[in-house]
Amino acid sequence: MRTKTRTRPQFKSLVRRNTYVATAFSAEALACVQALEFAMKMGFQHIEMEGDSRNTIVKAQKWALDRPEIGNHIEEIKRLATKFHFIYFQYVDIEANGVAHTIAKAGFPLTENHFWVEEVPKSAMEVVN
């Protein structure tokens, strides 16, 4: 997730362990909900939400109801989106989303939620460079 300020973009990421998530679609939608909740708690108002789940990104941009499998998460994404001054959902191809994948891998062994603000794990910086 990126937030825009007048001076420069700020990069934020979080890793949260979720259990009992039925499908990959549901996991991606839940991750988006949790990222938006994190952004709200941090007080951000201008958000660029990037994700490699085309399904979640497209459905977050439409106002139609969704199937029950992820419908509740999509509705929550839409509700949270109204709380920001500006929000933009952008699909990025999985190959271009290497940093997010690396952060997820870094967070996998963690037993507690972890948040990175203005920093990312060293392994993610290596992907960027």
N, C-alpha and C. Protein backbone atom coordinates (compact mmCIF):
# COMPACT_ATOMS: atom_id res chain seq x y z
N MET A 1 0.84 -1.15 0.00
CA MET A 1 0.00 0.00 0.00
C MET A 1 0.90 1.22 0.00
N ARG A 2 0.50 2.22 -0.75
CA ARG A 2 1.23 3.49 -0.78
C ARG A 2 0.29 4.58 -0.33
N THR A 3 0.82 5.53 0.40
CA THR A 3 0.05 6.71 0.76
C THR A 3 0.75 7.91 0.16
N LYS A 4 -0.02 8.84 -0.31
CA LYS A 4 0.55 10.03 -0.92
C LYS A 4 0.52 11.18 0.08
N THR A 5 1.63 11.86 0.18
CA THR A 5 1.70 13.08 0.96
C THR A 5 2.16 14.18 0.02
N ARG A 6 2.18 15.38 0.51
CA ARG A 6 2.63 16.48 -0.34
C ARG A 6 4.10 16.36 -0.70
N THR A 7 4.88 15.74 0.16
CA THR A 7 6.32 15.69 -0.08
C THR A 7 6.74 14.47 -0.87
N ARG A 8 6.33 13.28 -0.42
CA ARG A 8 6.76 12.07 -1.11
C ARG A 8 5.85 10.91 -0.71
N PRO A 9 5.83 9.86 -1.52
CA PRO A 9 5.03 8.70 -1.14
C PRO A 9 5.64 8.01 0.07
N GLN A 10 4.77 7.45 0.90
CA GLN A 10 5.22 6.67 2.04
C GLN A 10 4.77 5.23 1.81
N PHE A 11 5.65 4.29 2.05
CA PHE A 11 5.33 2.90 1.83
C PHE A 11 5.04 2.22 3.16
N LYS A 12 3.98 1.47 3.18
CA LYS A 12 3.56 0.78 4.40
C LYS A 12 3.26 -0.67 4.05
N SER A 13 3.56 -1.55 4.97
CA SER A 13 3.20 -2.94 4.77
C SER A 13 2.95 -3.59 6.11
N LEU A 14 2.22 -4.66 6.08
CA LEU A 14 1.94 -5.39 7.29
C LEU A 14 1.83 -6.86 6.97
N VAL A 15 2.10 -7.65 7.96
CA VAL A 15 1.91 -9.09 7.86
C VAL A 15 1.00 -9.48 9.01
N ARG A 16 -0.09 -10.13 8.70
CA ARG A 16 -1.03 -10.58 9.71
C ARG A 16 -1.32 -12.04 9.46
N ARG A 17 -1.21 -12.84 10.49
CA ARG A 17 -1.50 -14.27 10.37
C ARG A 17 -3.01 -14.47 10.49
N ASN A 18 -3.58 -15.08 9.46
CA ASN A 18 -5.01 -15.40 9.45
C ASN A 18 -5.19 -16.91 9.44
N THR A 19 -6.13 -17.38 10.20
CA THR A 19 -6.42 -18.81 10.21
C THR A 19 -7.86 -19.02 9.76
N TYR A 20 -8.14 -20.20 9.31
CA TYR A 20 -9.49 -20.59 8.90
C TYR A 20 -10.01 -19.77 7.73
N VAL A 21 -9.15 -19.47 6.78
CA VAL A 21 -9.57 -18.78 5.56
C VAL A 21 -9.78 -19.86 4.51
N ALA A 22 -10.98 -19.91 3.95
CA ALA A 22 -11.40 -21.04 3.12
C ALA A 22 -10.68 -21.12 1.77
N THR A 23 -10.49 -19.99 1.11
CA THR A 23 -9.94 -20.03 -0.25
C THR A 23 -8.90 -18.93 -0.44
N ALA A 24 -8.15 -19.05 -1.52
CA ALA A 24 -7.17 -18.01 -1.86
C ALA A 24 -7.89 -16.69 -2.17
N PHE A 25 -9.05 -16.77 -2.84
CA PHE A 25 -9.82 -15.55 -3.14
C PHE A 25 -10.19 -14.84 -1.85
N SER A 26 -10.65 -15.61 -0.88
CA SER A 26 -11.04 -15.04 0.41
C SER A 26 -9.83 -14.45 1.13
N ALA A 27 -8.69 -15.12 1.07
CA ALA A 27 -7.47 -14.63 1.72
C ALA A 27 -7.03 -13.30 1.12
N GLU A 28 -7.09 -13.18 -0.20
CA GLU A 28 -6.69 -11.93 -0.86
C GLU A 28 -7.63 -10.79 -0.48
N ALA A 29 -8.93 -11.05 -0.45
CA ALA A 29 -9.90 -10.02 -0.09
C ALA A 29 -9.73 -9.62 1.38
N LEU A 30 -9.51 -10.59 2.25
CA LEU A 30 -9.31 -10.30 3.66
C LEU A 30 -8.04 -9.48 3.86
N ALA A 31 -6.99 -9.78 3.12
CA ALA A 31 -5.75 -9.01 3.21
C ALA A 31 -5.98 -7.55 2.82
N CYS A 32 -6.81 -7.32 1.83
CA CYS A 32 -7.14 -5.96 1.41
C CYS A 32 -7.90 -5.24 2.52
N VAL A 33 -8.86 -5.91 3.13
CA VAL A 33 -9.61 -5.32 4.26
C VAL A 33 -8.64 -4.92 5.36
N GLN A 34 -7.75 -5.82 5.71
CA GLN A 34 -6.82 -5.56 6.81
C GLN A 34 -5.86 -4.43 6.49
N ALA A 35 -5.43 -4.32 5.24
CA ALA A 35 -4.55 -3.23 4.83
C ALA A 35 -5.28 -1.89 4.94
N LEU A 36 -6.55 -1.86 4.55
CA LEU A 36 -7.32 -0.62 4.65
C LEU A 36 -7.56 -0.24 6.11
N GLU A 37 -7.82 -1.22 6.95
CA GLU A 37 -7.98 -0.95 8.38
C GLU A 37 -6.68 -0.37 8.96
N PHE A 38 -5.56 -0.93 8.56
CA PHE A 38 -4.24 -0.44 8.99
C PHE A 38 -4.06 1.01 8.54
N ALA A 39 -4.39 1.31 7.31
CA ALA A 39 -4.26 2.67 6.78
C ALA A 39 -5.12 3.65 7.56
N MET A 40 -6.33 3.23 7.90
CA MET A 40 -7.21 4.10 8.68
C MET A 40 -6.62 4.38 10.05
N LYS A 41 -6.12 3.33 10.71
CA LYS A 41 -5.53 3.50 12.05
C LYS A 41 -4.30 4.41 12.02
N MET A 42 -3.58 4.38 10.91
CA MET A 42 -2.40 5.23 10.76
C MET A 42 -2.78 6.67 10.38
N GLY A 43 -4.05 6.89 10.06
CA GLY A 43 -4.53 8.23 9.74
C GLY A 43 -4.32 8.66 8.30
N PHE A 44 -4.08 7.72 7.41
CA PHE A 44 -3.86 8.07 6.01
C PHE A 44 -5.17 8.41 5.32
N GLN A 45 -5.12 9.35 4.39
CA GLN A 45 -6.32 9.78 3.68
C GLN A 45 -6.23 9.56 2.17
N HIS A 46 -5.04 9.41 1.63
CA HIS A 46 -4.84 9.21 0.19
C HIS A 46 -4.11 7.89 0.01
N ILE A 47 -4.80 6.92 -0.58
CA ILE A 47 -4.30 5.55 -0.65
C ILE A 47 -4.23 5.07 -2.09
N GLU A 48 -3.14 4.40 -2.42
CA GLU A 48 -3.04 3.62 -3.65
C GLU A 48 -2.89 2.17 -3.22
N MET A 49 -3.91 1.38 -3.47
CA MET A 49 -3.91 -0.03 -3.07
C MET A 49 -3.56 -0.87 -4.29
N GLU A 50 -2.42 -1.53 -4.23
CA GLU A 50 -1.99 -2.40 -5.32
C GLU A 50 -2.13 -3.85 -4.88
N GLY A 51 -2.55 -4.68 -5.81
CA GLY A 51 -2.67 -6.10 -5.50
C GLY A 51 -2.58 -6.95 -6.74
N ASP A 52 -2.14 -8.20 -6.56
CA ASP A 52 -2.04 -9.11 -7.70
C ASP A 52 -3.24 -10.04 -7.81
N SER A 53 -4.28 -9.77 -7.03
CA SER A 53 -5.52 -10.52 -7.17
C SER A 53 -6.49 -9.68 -8.01
N ARG A 54 -6.48 -9.94 -9.30
CA ARG A 54 -7.36 -9.18 -10.20
C ARG A 54 -8.80 -9.25 -9.72
N ASN A 55 -9.21 -10.42 -9.26
CA ASN A 55 -10.57 -10.62 -8.78
C ASN A 55 -10.93 -9.61 -7.68
N THR A 56 -10.06 -9.49 -6.69
CA THR A 56 -10.33 -8.57 -5.57
C THR A 56 -10.30 -7.12 -6.03
N ILE A 57 -9.32 -6.74 -6.83
CA ILE A 57 -9.20 -5.35 -7.28
C ILE A 57 -10.40 -4.94 -8.13
N VAL A 58 -10.79 -5.78 -9.08
CA VAL A 58 -11.93 -5.45 -9.95
C VAL A 58 -13.21 -5.35 -9.14
N LYS A 59 -13.43 -6.31 -8.25
CA LYS A 59 -14.67 -6.30 -7.47
C LYS A 59 -14.72 -5.14 -6.48
N ALA A 60 -13.57 -4.70 -6.00
CA ALA A 60 -13.54 -3.55 -5.09
C ALA A 60 -13.95 -2.27 -5.80
N GLN A 61 -13.77 -2.22 -7.11
CA GLN A 61 -14.09 -1.03 -7.88
C GLN A 61 -15.54 -1.01 -8.38
N LYS A 62 -16.23 -2.13 -8.28
CA LYS A 62 -17.62 -2.21 -8.75
C LYS A 62 -18.57 -2.15 -7.56
N TRP A 63 -19.76 -1.67 -7.81
CA TRP A 63 -20.73 -1.56 -6.72
C TRP A 63 -21.74 -2.70 -6.71
N ALA A 64 -21.55 -3.70 -7.54
CA ALA A 64 -22.46 -4.84 -7.57
C ALA A 64 -22.17 -5.77 -6.39
N LEU A 65 -23.17 -6.50 -5.96
CA LEU A 65 -22.99 -7.49 -4.89
C LEU A 65 -22.17 -8.65 -5.42
N ASP A 66 -21.53 -9.39 -4.52
CA ASP A 66 -20.67 -10.48 -4.92
C ASP A 66 -21.13 -11.77 -4.28
N ARG A 67 -20.54 -12.88 -4.75
CA ARG A 67 -20.91 -14.18 -4.22
C ARG A 67 -20.52 -14.28 -2.74
N PRO A 68 -21.19 -15.12 -2.01
CA PRO A 68 -20.95 -15.21 -0.56
C PRO A 68 -19.52 -15.55 -0.17
N GLU A 69 -18.79 -16.29 -1.00
CA GLU A 69 -17.43 -16.71 -0.65
C GLU A 69 -16.55 -15.53 -0.23
N ILE A 70 -16.59 -14.44 -0.99
CA ILE A 70 -15.80 -13.26 -0.64
C ILE A 70 -16.65 -12.01 -0.55
N GLY A 71 -17.95 -12.14 -0.74
CA GLY A 71 -18.85 -10.98 -0.76
C GLY A 71 -18.76 -10.11 0.47
N ASN A 72 -18.67 -10.73 1.65
CA ASN A 72 -18.58 -9.93 2.88
C ASN A 72 -17.30 -9.11 2.93
N HIS A 73 -16.20 -9.71 2.49
CA HIS A 73 -14.93 -8.98 2.47
C HIS A 73 -14.98 -7.84 1.45
N ILE A 74 -15.57 -8.10 0.29
CA ILE A 74 -15.66 -7.06 -0.75
C ILE A 74 -16.53 -5.91 -0.26
N GLU A 75 -17.62 -6.22 0.39
CA GLU A 75 -18.49 -5.17 0.92
C GLU A 75 -17.75 -4.35 1.98
N GLU A 76 -16.94 -5.00 2.79
CA GLU A 76 -16.16 -4.30 3.81
C GLU A 76 -15.10 -3.41 3.15
N ILE A 77 -14.47 -3.89 2.08
CA ILE A 77 -13.51 -3.07 1.33
C ILE A 77 -14.21 -1.81 0.83
N LYS A 78 -15.38 -1.97 0.26
CA LYS A 78 -16.12 -0.82 -0.27
C LYS A 78 -16.51 0.15 0.84
N ARG A 79 -16.92 -0.39 1.99
CA ARG A 79 -17.30 0.47 3.12
C ARG A 79 -16.07 1.25 3.62
N LEU A 80 -14.97 0.56 3.78
CA LEU A 80 -13.75 1.23 4.25
C LEU A 80 -13.25 2.26 3.24
N ALA A 81 -13.39 1.96 1.96
CA ALA A 81 -12.92 2.88 0.91
C ALA A 81 -13.59 4.25 1.01
N THR A 82 -14.82 4.28 1.48
CA THR A 82 -15.54 5.56 1.60
C THR A 82 -14.96 6.44 2.70
N LYS A 83 -14.12 5.90 3.55
CA LYS A 83 -13.55 6.65 4.68
C LYS A 83 -12.32 7.47 4.27
N PHE A 84 -11.80 7.25 3.06
CA PHE A 84 -10.60 7.95 2.61
C PHE A 84 -10.97 9.10 1.68
N HIS A 85 -10.14 10.13 1.66
CA HIS A 85 -10.35 11.25 0.74
C HIS A 85 -10.12 10.80 -0.70
N PHE A 86 -9.11 9.96 -0.87
CA PHE A 86 -8.77 9.44 -2.20
C PHE A 86 -8.31 8.00 -2.03
N ILE A 87 -8.85 7.14 -2.88
CA ILE A 87 -8.39 5.75 -2.89
C ILE A 87 -8.40 5.26 -4.33
N TYR A 88 -7.33 4.57 -4.69
CA TYR A 88 -7.19 4.05 -6.04
C TYR A 88 -6.76 2.60 -5.93
N PHE A 89 -7.52 1.72 -6.55
CA PHE A 89 -7.18 0.30 -6.58
C PHE A 89 -6.50 -0.01 -7.90
N GLN A 90 -5.35 -0.64 -7.84
CA GLN A 90 -4.57 -0.94 -9.04
C GLN A 90 -4.17 -2.40 -9.04
N TYR A 91 -4.50 -3.10 -10.11
CA TYR A 91 -4.03 -4.47 -10.29
C TYR A 91 -2.60 -4.42 -10.79
N VAL A 92 -1.73 -5.24 -10.19
CA VAL A 92 -0.36 -5.41 -10.68
C VAL A 92 -0.13 -6.89 -10.90
N ASP A 93 0.51 -7.20 -12.00
CA ASP A 93 0.79 -8.59 -12.33
C ASP A 93 1.64 -9.22 -11.24
N ILE A 94 1.44 -10.49 -11.00
CA ILE A 94 2.16 -11.18 -9.92
C ILE A 94 3.67 -11.08 -10.07
N GLU A 95 4.16 -11.06 -11.31
CA GLU A 95 5.60 -10.93 -11.52
C GLU A 95 6.10 -9.57 -11.08
N ALA A 96 5.24 -8.56 -11.14
CA ALA A 96 5.62 -7.21 -10.73
C ALA A 96 5.41 -6.99 -9.24
N ASN A 97 4.86 -7.98 -8.58
CA ASN A 97 4.53 -7.85 -7.16
C ASN A 97 5.51 -8.62 -6.28
N GLY A 98 6.75 -8.67 -6.69
CA GLY A 98 7.76 -9.43 -5.97
C GLY A 98 8.02 -8.95 -4.57
N VAL A 99 7.92 -7.64 -4.34
CA VAL A 99 8.16 -7.11 -3.01
C VAL A 99 7.09 -7.61 -2.04
N ALA A 100 5.83 -7.55 -2.46
CA ALA A 100 4.75 -8.02 -1.59
C ALA A 100 4.91 -9.51 -1.29
N HIS A 101 5.29 -10.27 -2.30
CA HIS A 101 5.49 -11.71 -2.09
C HIS A 101 6.65 -11.95 -1.11
N THR A 102 7.71 -11.19 -1.23
CA THR A 102 8.87 -11.33 -0.34
C THR A 102 8.50 -10.94 1.09
N ILE A 103 7.71 -9.88 1.25
CA ILE A 103 7.26 -9.47 2.59
C ILE A 103 6.38 -10.55 3.20
N ALA A 104 5.50 -11.14 2.40
CA ALA A 104 4.65 -12.22 2.91
C ALA A 104 5.50 -13.40 3.37
N LYS A 105 6.51 -13.74 2.58
CA LYS A 105 7.41 -14.84 2.97
C LYS A 105 8.17 -14.51 4.25
N ALA A 106 8.60 -13.26 4.39
CA ALA A 106 9.32 -12.85 5.60
C ALA A 106 8.42 -12.92 6.82
N GLY A 107 7.13 -12.69 6.62
CA GLY A 107 6.20 -12.71 7.73
C GLY A 107 5.67 -14.07 8.09
N PHE A 108 5.85 -15.04 7.22
CA PHE A 108 5.28 -16.36 7.45
C PHE A 108 5.71 -17.00 8.77
N PRO A 109 7.00 -16.95 9.13
CA PRO A 109 7.39 -17.58 10.39
C PRO A 109 7.02 -16.77 11.64
N LEU A 110 6.57 -15.54 11.47
CA LEU A 110 6.24 -14.71 12.62
C LEU A 110 4.96 -15.22 13.29
N THR A 111 4.94 -15.18 14.60
CA THR A 111 3.75 -15.62 15.33
C THR A 111 2.86 -14.45 15.72
N GLU A 112 3.38 -13.24 15.60
CA GLU A 112 2.62 -12.03 15.92
C GLU A 112 2.45 -11.20 14.65
N ASN A 113 1.45 -10.33 14.64
CA ASN A 113 1.31 -9.39 13.53
C ASN A 113 2.53 -8.48 13.51
N HIS A 114 2.94 -8.07 12.31
CA HIS A 114 4.10 -7.19 12.18
C HIS A 114 3.79 -6.10 11.17
N PHE A 115 4.18 -4.89 11.51
CA PHE A 115 3.93 -3.74 10.65
C PHE A 115 5.25 -3.07 10.31
N TRP A 116 5.40 -2.69 9.05
CA TRP A 116 6.57 -1.94 8.61
C TRP A 116 6.09 -0.57 8.13
N VAL A 117 6.68 0.48 8.67
CA VAL A 117 6.35 1.84 8.26
C VAL A 117 7.65 2.51 7.86
N GLU A 118 7.72 2.97 6.61
CA GLU A 118 8.92 3.59 6.05
C GLU A 118 10.12 2.64 6.02
N GLU A 119 9.87 1.37 6.10
CA GLU A 119 10.93 0.37 5.99
C GLU A 119 10.29 -0.93 5.51
N VAL A 120 11.09 -1.80 5.02
CA VAL A 120 10.65 -3.14 4.65
C VAL A 120 11.76 -4.11 5.05
N PRO A 121 11.45 -5.39 5.10
CA PRO A 121 12.52 -6.35 5.41
C PRO A 121 13.66 -6.24 4.40
N LYS A 122 14.87 -6.56 4.85
CA LYS A 122 16.06 -6.49 3.99
C LYS A 122 15.86 -7.31 2.71
N SER A 123 15.23 -8.48 2.84
CA SER A 123 15.01 -9.33 1.66
C SER A 123 14.13 -8.63 0.62
N ALA A 124 13.18 -7.80 1.07
CA ALA A 124 12.32 -7.07 0.13
C ALA A 124 13.11 -5.96 -0.56
N MET A 125 14.02 -5.31 0.18
CA MET A 125 14.85 -4.27 -0.44
C MET A 125 15.74 -4.85 -1.53
N GLU A 126 16.19 -6.09 -1.34
CA GLU A 126 17.00 -6.74 -2.36
C GLU A 126 16.22 -6.97 -3.64
N VAL A 127 14.92 -7.23 -3.52
CA VAL A 127 14.06 -7.40 -4.70
C VAL A 127 13.92 -6.07 -5.44
N VAL A 128 13.78 -4.99 -4.70
CA VAL A 128 13.63 -3.66 -5.29
C VAL A 128 14.90 -3.27 -6.04
N ASN A 129 16.03 -3.53 -5.43
CA ASN A 129 17.30 -3.13 -6.04
C ASN A 129 17.68 -4.14 -7.10
